[in-house]
């Protein structure tokens, strides 16, 4: 997933993600370049500008609760914050990857 101005380099993305077991639940991404935002979200939320990857098993769980999350977190700003809330509910922490970054 990414924002409308996110650039993905497919070969690099495949290389990075290949080290993860696709049968496990993963929420992969990077923190914000804004220390203030990182402090607000305890460094535990991936930002859409840098791209977010979720594994298939996590996507299967997420799709079942996504509508409810969106409703519960309607005051949150942006889809990355709403997805971060859903990940907290599911209990899957952010796995940080340095290649997922925003400028």
PDB file of N, CA and C in Angstrom:
ATOM      1  N   UNK A   1       0.857  -1.164   0.000  1.00  0.00           N
ATOM      2  CA  UNK A   1       0.000   0.000   0.000  1.00  0.00           C
ATOM      3  C   UNK A   1       0.897   1.219   0.000  1.00  0.00           C
ATOM      4  N   UNK A   2       0.387   2.293  -0.517  1.00  0.00           N
ATOM      5  CA  UNK A   2       1.134   3.526  -0.512  1.00  0.00           C
ATOM      6  C   UNK A   2       0.225   4.698  -0.796  1.00  0.00           C
ATOM      7  N   UNK A   3       0.768   5.877  -0.611  1.00  0.00           N
ATOM      8  CA  UNK A   3       0.033   7.101  -0.934  1.00  0.00           C
ATOM      9  C   UNK A   3       0.043   7.324  -2.437  1.00  0.00           C
ATOM     10  N   UNK A   4      -0.672   8.334  -2.873  1.00  0.00           N
ATOM     11  CA  UNK A   4      -0.745   8.614  -4.302  1.00  0.00           C
ATOM     12  C   UNK A   4       0.591   9.098  -4.877  1.00  0.00           C
ATOM     13  N   UNK A   5       1.526   9.483  -4.036  1.00  0.00           N
ATOM     14  CA  UNK A   5       2.837   9.923  -4.509  1.00  0.00           C
ATOM     15  C   UNK A   5       3.961   8.981  -4.083  1.00  0.00           C
ATOM     16  N   UNK A   6       3.613   7.753  -3.723  1.00  0.00           N
ATOM     17  CA  UNK A   6       4.612   6.762  -3.330  1.00  0.00           C
ATOM     18  C   UNK A   6       5.179   6.104  -4.576  1.00  0.00           C
ATOM     19  N   UNK A   7       6.482   5.907  -4.575  1.00  0.00           N
ATOM     20  CA  UNK A   7       7.158   5.231  -5.682  1.00  0.00           C
ATOM     21  C   UNK A   7       7.658   3.881  -5.172  1.00  0.00           C
ATOM     22  N   UNK A   8       7.306   2.825  -5.888  1.00  0.00           N
ATOM     23  CA  UNK A   8       7.765   1.476  -5.545  1.00  0.00           C
ATOM     24  C   UNK A   8       8.764   1.013  -6.594  1.00  0.00           C
ATOM     25  N   UNK A   9       9.868   0.464  -6.150  1.00  0.00           N
ATOM     26  CA  UNK A   9      10.837  -0.169  -7.025  1.00  0.00           C
ATOM     27  C   UNK A   9      10.644  -1.672  -6.835  1.00  0.00           C
ATOM     28  N   UNK A  10       9.958  -2.266  -7.772  1.00  0.00           N
ATOM     29  CA  UNK A  10       9.468  -3.635  -7.627  1.00  0.00           C
ATOM     30  C   UNK A  10      10.574  -4.635  -7.312  1.00  0.00           C
ATOM     31  N   UNK A  11      11.679  -4.570  -8.033  1.00  0.00           N
ATOM     32  CA  UNK A  11      12.771  -5.529  -7.803  1.00  0.00           C
ATOM     33  C   UNK A  11      13.301  -5.395  -6.376  1.00  0.00           C
ATOM     34  N   UNK A  12      13.500  -4.174  -5.917  1.00  0.00           N
ATOM     35  CA  UNK A  12      13.971  -3.954  -4.547  1.00  0.00           C
ATOM     36  C   UNK A  12      12.949  -4.447  -3.533  1.00  0.00           C
ATOM     37  N   UNK A  13      11.673  -4.168  -3.793  1.00  0.00           N
ATOM     38  CA  UNK A  13      10.609  -4.577  -2.882  1.00  0.00           C
ATOM     39  C   UNK A  13      10.556  -6.094  -2.745  1.00  0.00           C
ATOM     40  N   UNK A  14      10.647  -6.795  -3.852  1.00  0.00           N
ATOM     41  CA  UNK A  14      10.631  -8.258  -3.834  1.00  0.00           C
ATOM     42  C   UNK A  14      11.834  -8.781  -3.053  1.00  0.00           C
ATOM     43  N   UNK A  15      13.006  -8.186  -3.253  1.00  0.00           N
ATOM     44  CA  UNK A  15      14.208  -8.610  -2.536  1.00  0.00           C
ATOM     45  C   UNK A  15      14.051  -8.429  -1.035  1.00  0.00           C
ATOM     46  N   UNK A  16      13.564  -7.264  -0.624  1.00  0.00           N
ATOM     47  CA  UNK A  16      13.396  -6.978   0.805  1.00  0.00           C
ATOM     48  C   UNK A  16      12.371  -7.914   1.430  1.00  0.00           C
ATOM     49  N   UNK A  17      11.240  -8.085   0.770  1.00  0.00           N
ATOM     50  CA  UNK A  17      10.166  -8.894   1.349  1.00  0.00           C
ATOM     51  C   UNK A  17      10.459 -10.390   1.321  1.00  0.00           C
ATOM     52  N   UNK A  18      11.384 -10.814   0.485  1.00  0.00           N
ATOM     53  CA  UNK A  18      11.686 -12.254   0.376  1.00  0.00           C
ATOM     54  C   UNK A  18      12.296 -12.829   1.650  1.00  0.00           C
ATOM     55  N   UNK A  19      12.791 -11.992   2.531  1.00  0.00           N
ATOM     56  CA  UNK A  19      13.379 -12.515   3.770  1.00  0.00           C
ATOM     57  C   UNK A  19      12.335 -12.824   4.842  1.00  0.00           C
ATOM     58  N   UNK A  20      11.094 -12.499   4.580  1.00  0.00           N
ATOM     59  CA  UNK A  20      10.017 -12.742   5.543  1.00  0.00           C
ATOM     60  C   UNK A  20       9.230 -13.986   5.164  1.00  0.00           C
ATOM     61  N   UNK A  21       8.752 -14.697   6.173  1.00  0.00           N
ATOM     62  CA  UNK A  21       7.913 -15.876   5.960  1.00  0.00           C
ATOM     63  C   UNK A  21       6.506 -15.404   5.615  1.00  0.00           C
ATOM     64  N   UNK A  22       6.100 -15.623   4.391  1.00  0.00           N
ATOM     65  CA  UNK A  22       4.798 -15.138   3.916  1.00  0.00           C
ATOM     66  C   UNK A  22       3.622 -15.838   4.587  1.00  0.00           C
ATOM     67  N   UNK A  23       3.893 -16.865   5.368  1.00  0.00           N
ATOM     68  CA  UNK A  23       2.829 -17.543   6.106  1.00  0.00           C
ATOM     69  C   UNK A  23       2.548 -16.899   7.460  1.00  0.00           C
ATOM     70  N   UNK A  24       3.381 -15.953   7.857  1.00  0.00           N
ATOM     71  CA  UNK A  24       3.235 -15.267   9.141  1.00  0.00           C
ATOM     72  C   UNK A  24       2.583 -13.894   8.921  1.00  0.00           C
ATOM     73  N   UNK A  25       2.075 -13.320  10.008  1.00  0.00           N
ATOM     74  CA  UNK A  25       1.466 -11.995   9.910  1.00  0.00           C
ATOM     75  C   UNK A  25       2.543 -10.923  10.086  1.00  0.00           C
ATOM     76  N   UNK A  26       2.691 -10.086   9.055  1.00  0.00           N
ATOM     77  CA  UNK A  26       3.660  -8.994   9.082  1.00  0.00           C
ATOM     78  C   UNK A  26       3.015  -7.687   8.662  1.00  0.00           C
ATOM     79  N   UNK A  27       3.385  -6.636   9.374  1.00  0.00           N
ATOM     80  CA  UNK A  27       3.025  -5.241   9.088  1.00  0.00           C
ATOM     81  C   UNK A  27       4.367  -4.543   8.952  1.00  0.00           C
ATOM     82  N   UNK A  28       4.771  -4.255   7.713  1.00  0.00           N
ATOM     83  CA  UNK A  28       6.118  -3.784   7.427  1.00  0.00           C
ATOM     84  C   UNK A  28       6.057  -2.368   6.868  1.00  0.00           C
ATOM     85  N   UNK A  29       6.934  -1.531   7.365  1.00  0.00           N
ATOM     86  CA  UNK A  29       7.004  -0.166   6.869  1.00  0.00           C
ATOM     87  C   UNK A  29       8.060   0.629   7.591  1.00  0.00           C
ATOM     88  N   UNK A  30       7.938   1.935   7.484  1.00  0.00           N
ATOM     89  CA  UNK A  30       8.903   2.822   8.111  1.00  0.00           C
ATOM     90  C   UNK A  30       8.212   3.942   8.858  1.00  0.00           C
ATOM     91  N   UNK A  31       8.968   4.532   9.757  1.00  0.00           N
ATOM     92  CA  UNK A  31       8.456   5.666  10.516  1.00  0.00           C
ATOM     93  C   UNK A  31       8.473   6.926   9.668  1.00  0.00           C
ATOM     94  N   UNK A  32       7.912   7.975  10.226  1.00  0.00           N
ATOM     95  CA  UNK A  32       7.870   9.272   9.561  1.00  0.00           C
ATOM     96  C   UNK A  32       9.221   9.966   9.673  1.00  0.00           C
ATOM     97  N   UNK A  33       9.458  10.893   8.785  1.00  0.00           N
ATOM     98  CA  UNK A  33      10.642  11.744   8.906  1.00  0.00           C
ATOM     99  C   UNK A  33      10.430  12.811   9.976  1.00  0.00           C
ATOM    100  N   UNK A  34       9.214  12.913  10.461  1.00  0.00           N
ATOM    101  CA  UNK A  34       8.856  13.882  11.495  1.00  0.00           C
ATOM    102  C   UNK A  34       8.967  13.236  12.879  1.00  0.00           C
ATOM    103  N   UNK A  35       9.925  13.698  13.672  1.00  0.00           N
ATOM    104  CA  UNK A  35      10.088  13.165  15.021  1.00  0.00           C
ATOM    105  C   UNK A  35       8.821  13.407  15.835  1.00  0.00           C
ATOM    106  N   UNK A  36       8.192  14.547  15.619  1.00  0.00           N
ATOM    107  CA  UNK A  36       6.943  14.860  16.335  1.00  0.00           C
ATOM    108  C   UNK A  36       5.888  13.797  16.063  1.00  0.00           C
ATOM    109  N   UNK A  37       5.699  13.424  14.793  1.00  0.00           N
ATOM    110  CA  UNK A  37       4.717  12.394  14.446  1.00  0.00           C
ATOM    111  C   UNK A  37       5.102  11.040  15.039  1.00  0.00           C
ATOM    112  N   UNK A  38       6.387  10.729  15.003  1.00  0.00           N
ATOM    113  CA  UNK A  38       6.839   9.461  15.570  1.00  0.00           C
ATOM    114  C   UNK A  38       6.585   9.408  17.072  1.00  0.00           C
ATOM    115  N   UNK A  39       6.797  10.507  17.758  1.00  0.00           N
ATOM    116  CA  UNK A  39       6.527  10.548  19.193  1.00  0.00           C
ATOM    117  C   UNK A  39       5.040  10.374  19.481  1.00  0.00           C
ATOM    118  N   UNK A  40       4.199  11.040  18.686  1.00  0.00           N
ATOM    119  CA  UNK A  40       2.747  10.932  18.861  1.00  0.00           C
ATOM    120  C   UNK A  40       2.301   9.479  18.714  1.00  0.00           C
ATOM    121  N   UNK A  41       2.898   8.764  17.779  1.00  0.00           N
ATOM    122  CA  UNK A  41       2.489   7.386  17.480  1.00  0.00           C
ATOM    123  C   UNK A  41       3.463   6.353  18.058  1.00  0.00           C
ATOM    124  N   UNK A  42       4.308   6.775  18.987  1.00  0.00           N
ATOM    125  CA  UNK A  42       5.239   5.880  19.704  1.00  0.00           C
ATOM    126  C   UNK A  42       6.105   5.042  18.765  1.00  0.00           C
ATOM    127  N   UNK A  43       6.418   5.583  17.624  1.00  0.00           N
ATOM    128  CA  UNK A  43       7.276   4.898  16.645  1.00  0.00           C
ATOM    129  C   UNK A  43       6.696   3.550  16.217  1.00  0.00           C
ATOM    130  N   UNK A  44       5.407   3.377  16.361  1.00  0.00           N
ATOM    131  CA  UNK A  44       4.802   2.082  16.072  1.00  0.00           C
ATOM    132  C   UNK A  44       3.879   2.053  14.876  1.00  0.00           C
ATOM    133  N   UNK A  45       3.935   3.099  14.049  1.00  0.00           N
ATOM    134  CA  UNK A  45       3.024   3.175  12.912  1.00  0.00           C
ATOM    135  C   UNK A  45       3.809   3.383  11.622  1.00  0.00           C
ATOM    136  N   UNK A  46       3.461   2.632  10.590  1.00  0.00           N
ATOM    137  CA  UNK A  46       4.058   2.812   9.273  1.00  0.00           C
ATOM    138  C   UNK A  46       3.350   3.962   8.569  1.00  0.00           C
ATOM    139  N   UNK A  47       4.093   4.681   7.768  1.00  0.00           N
ATOM    140  CA  UNK A  47       3.541   5.822   7.032  1.00  0.00           C
ATOM    141  C   UNK A  47       3.380   5.471   5.563  1.00  0.00           C
ATOM    142  N   UNK A  48       2.200   5.798   5.040  1.00  0.00           N
ATOM    143  CA  UNK A  48       1.868   5.475   3.661  1.00  0.00           C
ATOM    144  C   UNK A  48       2.789   6.093   2.644  1.00  0.00           C
ATOM    145  N   UNK A  49       3.374   7.223   2.957  1.00  0.00           N
ATOM    146  CA  UNK A  49       4.293   7.870   2.022  1.00  0.00           C
ATOM    147  C   UNK A  49       5.484   7.005   1.701  1.00  0.00           C
ATOM    148  N   UNK A  50       5.921   6.229   2.675  1.00  0.00           N
ATOM    149  CA  UNK A  50       7.050   5.331   2.473  1.00  0.00           C
ATOM    150  C   UNK A  50       6.623   3.948   2.022  1.00  0.00           C
ATOM    151  N   UNK A  51       5.343   3.723   1.995  1.00  0.00           N
ATOM    152  CA  UNK A  51       4.811   2.417   1.618  1.00  0.00           C
ATOM    153  C   UNK A  51       4.625   1.522   2.821  1.00  0.00           C
ATOM    154  N   UNK A  52       3.649   0.661   2.730  1.00  0.00           N
ATOM    155  CA  UNK A  52       3.329  -0.291   3.789  1.00  0.00           C
ATOM    156  C   UNK A  52       3.111  -1.650   3.124  1.00  0.00           C
ATOM    157  N   UNK A  53       3.696  -2.681   3.711  1.00  0.00           N
ATOM    158  CA  UNK A  53       3.465  -4.034   3.212  1.00  0.00           C
ATOM    159  C   UNK A  53       2.829  -4.852   4.330  1.00  0.00           C
ATOM    160  N   UNK A  54       1.809  -5.594   3.975  1.00  0.00           N
ATOM    161  CA  UNK A  54       1.206  -6.527   4.929  1.00  0.00           C
ATOM    162  C   UNK A  54       1.172  -7.902   4.261  1.00  0.00           C
ATOM    163  N   UNK A  55       1.394  -8.909   5.066  1.00  0.00           N
ATOM    164  CA  UNK A  55       1.396 -10.269   4.539  1.00  0.00           C
ATOM    165  C   UNK A  55      -0.029 -10.737   4.274  1.00  0.00           C
ATOM    166  N   UNK A  56      -0.130 -11.789   3.476  1.00  0.00           N
ATOM    167  CA  UNK A  56      -1.445 -12.324   3.127  1.00  0.00           C
ATOM    168  C   UNK A  56      -2.232 -12.774   4.353  1.00  0.00           C
ATOM    169  N   UNK A  57      -1.609 -13.511   5.298  1.00  0.00           N
ATOM    170  CA  UNK A  57      -2.378 -13.909   6.486  1.00  0.00           C
ATOM    171  C   UNK A  57      -2.907 -12.698   7.268  1.00  0.00           C
ATOM    172  N   UNK A  58      -2.135 -11.633   7.329  1.00  0.00           N
ATOM    173  CA  UNK A  58      -2.602 -10.429   8.011  1.00  0.00           C
ATOM    174  C   UNK A  58      -3.724  -9.771   7.220  1.00  0.00           C
ATOM    175  N   UNK A  59      -3.613  -9.756   5.913  1.00  0.00           N
ATOM    176  CA  UNK A  59      -4.669  -9.179   5.076  1.00  0.00           C
ATOM    177  C   UNK A  59      -5.986  -9.928   5.269  1.00  0.00           C
ATOM    178  N   UNK A  60      -5.903 -11.251   5.442  1.00  0.00           N
ATOM    179  CA  UNK A  60      -7.117 -12.048   5.676  1.00  0.00           C
ATOM    180  C   UNK A  60      -7.809 -11.642   6.970  1.00  0.00           C
ATOM    181  N   UNK A  61      -7.052 -11.355   8.003  1.00  0.00           N
ATOM    182  CA  UNK A  61      -7.625 -10.920   9.282  1.00  0.00           C
ATOM    183  C   UNK A  61      -8.109  -9.483   9.166  1.00  0.00           C
ATOM    184  N   UNK A  62      -7.302  -8.636   8.550  1.00  0.00           N
ATOM    185  CA  UNK A  62      -7.621  -7.216   8.434  1.00  0.00           C
ATOM    186  C   UNK A  62      -8.928  -6.976   7.686  1.00  0.00           C
ATOM    187  N   UNK A  63      -9.158  -7.714   6.618  1.00  0.00           N
ATOM    188  CA  UNK A  63     -10.355  -7.491   5.809  1.00  0.00           C
ATOM    189  C   UNK A  63     -11.628  -7.749   6.615  1.00  0.00           C
ATOM    190  N   UNK A  64     -11.548  -8.612   7.606  1.00  0.00           N
ATOM    191  CA  UNK A  64     -12.716  -8.924   8.425  1.00  0.00           C
ATOM    192  C   UNK A  64     -13.075  -7.822   9.413  1.00  0.00           C
ATOM    193  N   UNK A  65     -12.089  -6.996   9.785  1.00  0.00           N
ATOM    194  CA  UNK A  65     -12.355  -5.951  10.783  1.00  0.00           C
ATOM    195  C   UNK A  65     -12.186  -4.539  10.238  1.00  0.00           C
ATOM    196  N   UNK A  66     -11.810  -4.411   8.974  1.00  0.00           N
ATOM    197  CA  UNK A  66     -11.463  -3.105   8.420  1.00  0.00           C
ATOM    198  C   UNK A  66     -12.596  -2.094   8.498  1.00  0.00           C
ATOM    199  N   UNK A  67     -13.799  -2.486   8.118  1.00  0.00           N
ATOM    200  CA  UNK A  67     -14.928  -1.544   8.177  1.00  0.00           C
ATOM    201  C   UNK A  67     -15.150  -1.043   9.600  1.00  0.00           C
ATOM    202  N   UNK A  68     -15.077  -1.942  10.563  1.00  0.00           N
ATOM    203  CA  UNK A  68     -15.231  -1.555  11.960  1.00  0.00           C
ATOM    204  C   UNK A  68     -14.127  -0.617  12.409  1.00  0.00           C
ATOM    205  N   UNK A  69     -12.898  -0.902  11.995  1.00  0.00           N
ATOM    206  CA  UNK A  69     -11.769  -0.022  12.344  1.00  0.00           C
ATOM    207  C   UNK A  69     -11.975   1.374  11.776  1.00  0.00           C
ATOM    208  N   UNK A  70     -12.359   1.436  10.536  1.00  0.00           N
ATOM    209  CA  UNK A  70     -12.568   2.736   9.899  1.00  0.00           C
ATOM    210  C   UNK A  70     -13.632   3.523  10.656  1.00  0.00           C
ATOM    211  N   UNK A  71     -14.684   2.839  11.087  1.00  0.00           N
ATOM    212  CA  UNK A  71     -15.734   3.510  11.863  1.00  0.00           C
ATOM    213  C   UNK A  71     -15.244   3.924  13.248  1.00  0.00           C
ATOM    214  N   UNK A  72     -14.527   3.037  13.918  1.00  0.00           N
ATOM    215  CA  UNK A  72     -14.023   3.350  15.268  1.00  0.00           C
ATOM    216  C   UNK A  72     -13.001   4.471  15.250  1.00  0.00           C
ATOM    217  N   UNK A  73     -12.194   4.517  14.212  1.00  0.00           N
ATOM    218  CA  UNK A  73     -11.115   5.498  14.135  1.00  0.00           C
ATOM    219  C   UNK A  73     -11.423   6.612  13.131  1.00  0.00           C
ATOM    220  N   UNK A  74     -12.683   6.976  13.036  1.00  0.00           N
ATOM    221  CA  UNK A  74     -13.070   8.007  12.064  1.00  0.00           C
ATOM    222  C   UNK A  74     -12.412   9.359  12.337  1.00  0.00           C
ATOM    223  N   UNK A  75     -11.996   9.604  13.571  1.00  0.00           N
ATOM    224  CA  UNK A  75     -11.328  10.866  13.901  1.00  0.00           C
ATOM    225  C   UNK A  75      -9.841  10.862  13.547  1.00  0.00           C
ATOM    226  N   UNK A  76      -9.295   9.700  13.242  1.00  0.00           N
ATOM    227  CA  UNK A  76      -7.874   9.633  12.894  1.00  0.00           C
ATOM    228  C   UNK A  76      -7.648  10.292  11.542  1.00  0.00           C
ATOM    229  N   UNK A  77      -6.493  10.881  11.396  1.00  0.00           N
ATOM    230  CA  UNK A  77      -6.145  11.537  10.142  1.00  0.00           C
ATOM    231  C   UNK A  77      -5.434  10.539   9.230  1.00  0.00           C
ATOM    232  N   UNK A  78      -5.989  10.307   8.087  1.00  0.00           N
ATOM    233  CA  UNK A  78      -5.326   9.507   7.070  1.00  0.00           C
ATOM    234  C   UNK A  78      -5.472   8.007   7.234  1.00  0.00           C
ATOM    235  N   UNK A  79      -5.337   7.347   6.113  1.00  0.00           N
ATOM    236  CA  UNK A  79      -5.498   5.892   6.094  1.00  0.00           C
ATOM    237  C   UNK A  79      -4.368   5.183   6.827  1.00  0.00           C
ATOM    238  N   UNK A  80      -3.152   5.743   6.808  1.00  0.00           N
ATOM    239  CA  UNK A  80      -2.065   5.058   7.502  1.00  0.00           C
ATOM    240  C   UNK A  80      -2.294   5.034   9.008  1.00  0.00           C
ATOM    241  N   UNK A  81      -2.899   6.094   9.540  1.00  0.00           N
ATOM    242  CA  UNK A  81      -3.198   6.116  10.971  1.00  0.00           C
ATOM    243  C   UNK A  81      -4.331   5.133  11.292  1.00  0.00           C
ATOM    244  N   UNK A  82      -5.312   5.039  10.408  1.00  0.00           N
ATOM    245  CA  UNK A  82      -6.409   4.092  10.620  1.00  0.00           C
ATOM    246  C   UNK A  82      -5.905   2.651  10.537  1.00  0.00           C
ATOM    247  N   UNK A  83      -5.044   2.353   9.570  1.00  0.00           N
ATOM    248  CA  UNK A  83      -4.456   1.019   9.457  1.00  0.00           C
ATOM    249  C   UNK A  83      -3.617   0.718  10.700  1.00  0.00           C
ATOM    250  N   UNK A  84      -2.878   1.723  11.187  1.00  0.00           N
ATOM    251  CA  UNK A  84      -2.097   1.540  12.410  1.00  0.00           C
ATOM    252  C   UNK A  84      -2.980   1.172  13.597  1.00  0.00           C
ATOM    253  N   UNK A  85      -4.152   1.788  13.697  1.00  0.00           N
ATOM    254  CA  UNK A  85      -5.104   1.446  14.743  1.00  0.00           C
ATOM    255  C   UNK A  85      -5.591   0.016  14.618  1.00  0.00           C
ATOM    256  N   UNK A  86      -5.876  -0.395  13.395  1.00  0.00           N
ATOM    257  CA  UNK A  86      -6.305  -1.779  13.161  1.00  0.00           C
ATOM    258  C   UNK A  86      -5.209  -2.764  13.541  1.00  0.00           C
ATOM    259  N   UNK A  87      -3.965  -2.436  13.204  1.00  0.00           N
ATOM    260  CA  UNK A  87      -2.846  -3.323  13.533  1.00  0.00           C
ATOM    261  C   UNK A  87      -2.698  -3.465  15.047  1.00  0.00           C
ATOM    262  N   UNK A  88      -2.925  -2.373  15.768  1.00  0.00           N
ATOM    263  CA  UNK A  88      -2.863  -2.428  17.229  1.00  0.00           C
ATOM    264  C   UNK A  88      -3.950  -3.345  17.771  1.00  0.00           C
ATOM    265  N   UNK A  89      -5.144  -3.284  17.183  1.00  0.00           N
ATOM    266  CA  UNK A  89      -6.239  -4.167  17.617  1.00  0.00           C
ATOM    267  C   UNK A  89      -5.900  -5.632  17.369  1.00  0.00           C
ATOM    268  N   UNK A  90      -5.330  -5.906  16.212  1.00  0.00           N
ATOM    269  CA  UNK A  90      -4.978  -7.284  15.858  1.00  0.00           C
ATOM    270  C   UNK A  90      -3.799  -7.759  16.703  1.00  0.00           C
ATOM    271  N   UNK A  91      -2.953  -6.821  17.096  1.00  0.00           N
ATOM    272  CA  UNK A  91      -1.800  -7.162  17.920  1.00  0.00           C
ATOM    273  C   UNK A  91      -0.540  -7.461  17.132  1.00  0.00           C
ATOM    274  N   UNK A  92      -0.487  -6.949  15.896  1.00  0.00           N
ATOM    275  CA  UNK A  92       0.700  -7.161  15.068  1.00  0.00           C
ATOM    276  C   UNK A  92       1.532  -5.872  15.090  1.00  0.00           C
ATOM    277  N   UNK A  93       2.748  -5.944  15.640  1.00  0.00           N
ATOM    278  CA  UNK A  93       3.576  -4.741  15.711  1.00  0.00           C
ATOM    279  C   UNK A  93       4.208  -4.413  14.369  1.00  0.00           C
ATOM    280  N   UNK A  94       4.642  -3.191  14.256  1.00  0.00           N
ATOM    281  CA  UNK A  94       5.334  -2.746  13.053  1.00  0.00           C
ATOM    282  C   UNK A  94       6.710  -3.388  12.981  1.00  0.00           C
ATOM    283  N   UNK A  95       7.012  -3.963  11.836  1.00  0.00           N
ATOM    284  CA  UNK A  95       8.365  -4.422  11.533  1.00  0.00           C
ATOM    285  C   UNK A  95       8.985  -3.335  10.672  1.00  0.00           C
ATOM    286  N   UNK A  96      10.009  -2.684  11.206  1.00  0.00           N
ATOM    287  CA  UNK A  96      10.617  -1.551  10.505  1.00  0.00           C
ATOM    288  C   UNK A  96      11.623  -2.027   9.459  1.00  0.00           C
ATOM    289  N   UNK A  97      11.499  -1.449   8.294  1.00  0.00           N
ATOM    290  CA  UNK A  97      12.437  -1.692   7.196  1.00  0.00           C
ATOM    291  C   UNK A  97      12.957  -0.330   6.749  1.00  0.00           C
ATOM    292  N   UNK A  98      14.281  -0.197   6.731  1.00  0.00           N
ATOM    293  CA  UNK A  98      14.890   1.098   6.379  1.00  0.00           C
ATOM    294  C   UNK A  98      14.558   1.543   4.966  1.00  0.00           C
ATOM    295  N   UNK A  99      14.310   0.600   4.067  1.00  0.00           N
ATOM    296  CA  UNK A  99      13.998   0.954   2.688  1.00  0.00           C
ATOM    297  C   UNK A  99      12.605   1.562   2.508  1.00  0.00           C
ATOM    298  N   UNK A 100      11.767   1.414   3.506  1.00  0.00           N
ATOM    299  CA  UNK A 100      10.431   2.015   3.471  1.00  0.00           C
ATOM    300  C   UNK A 100      10.551   3.375   4.150  1.00  0.00           C
ATOM    301  N   UNK A 101      10.749   4.398   3.393  1.00  0.00           N
ATOM    302  CA  UNK A 101      10.917   5.728   3.999  1.00  0.00           C
ATOM    303  C   UNK A 101      10.269   6.777   3.130  1.00  0.00           C
ATOM    304  N   UNK A 102       9.980   7.877   3.757  1.00  0.00           N
ATOM    305  CA  UNK A 102       9.407   9.007   3.031  1.00  0.00           C
ATOM    306  C   UNK A 102      10.320  10.209   3.194  1.00  0.00           C
ATOM    307  N   UNK A 103      10.237  11.099   2.226  1.00  0.00           N
ATOM    308  CA  UNK A 103      11.081  12.289   2.236  1.00  0.00           C
ATOM    309  C   UNK A 103      10.194  13.512   2.208  1.00  0.00           C
TER     310      UNK A 103
END
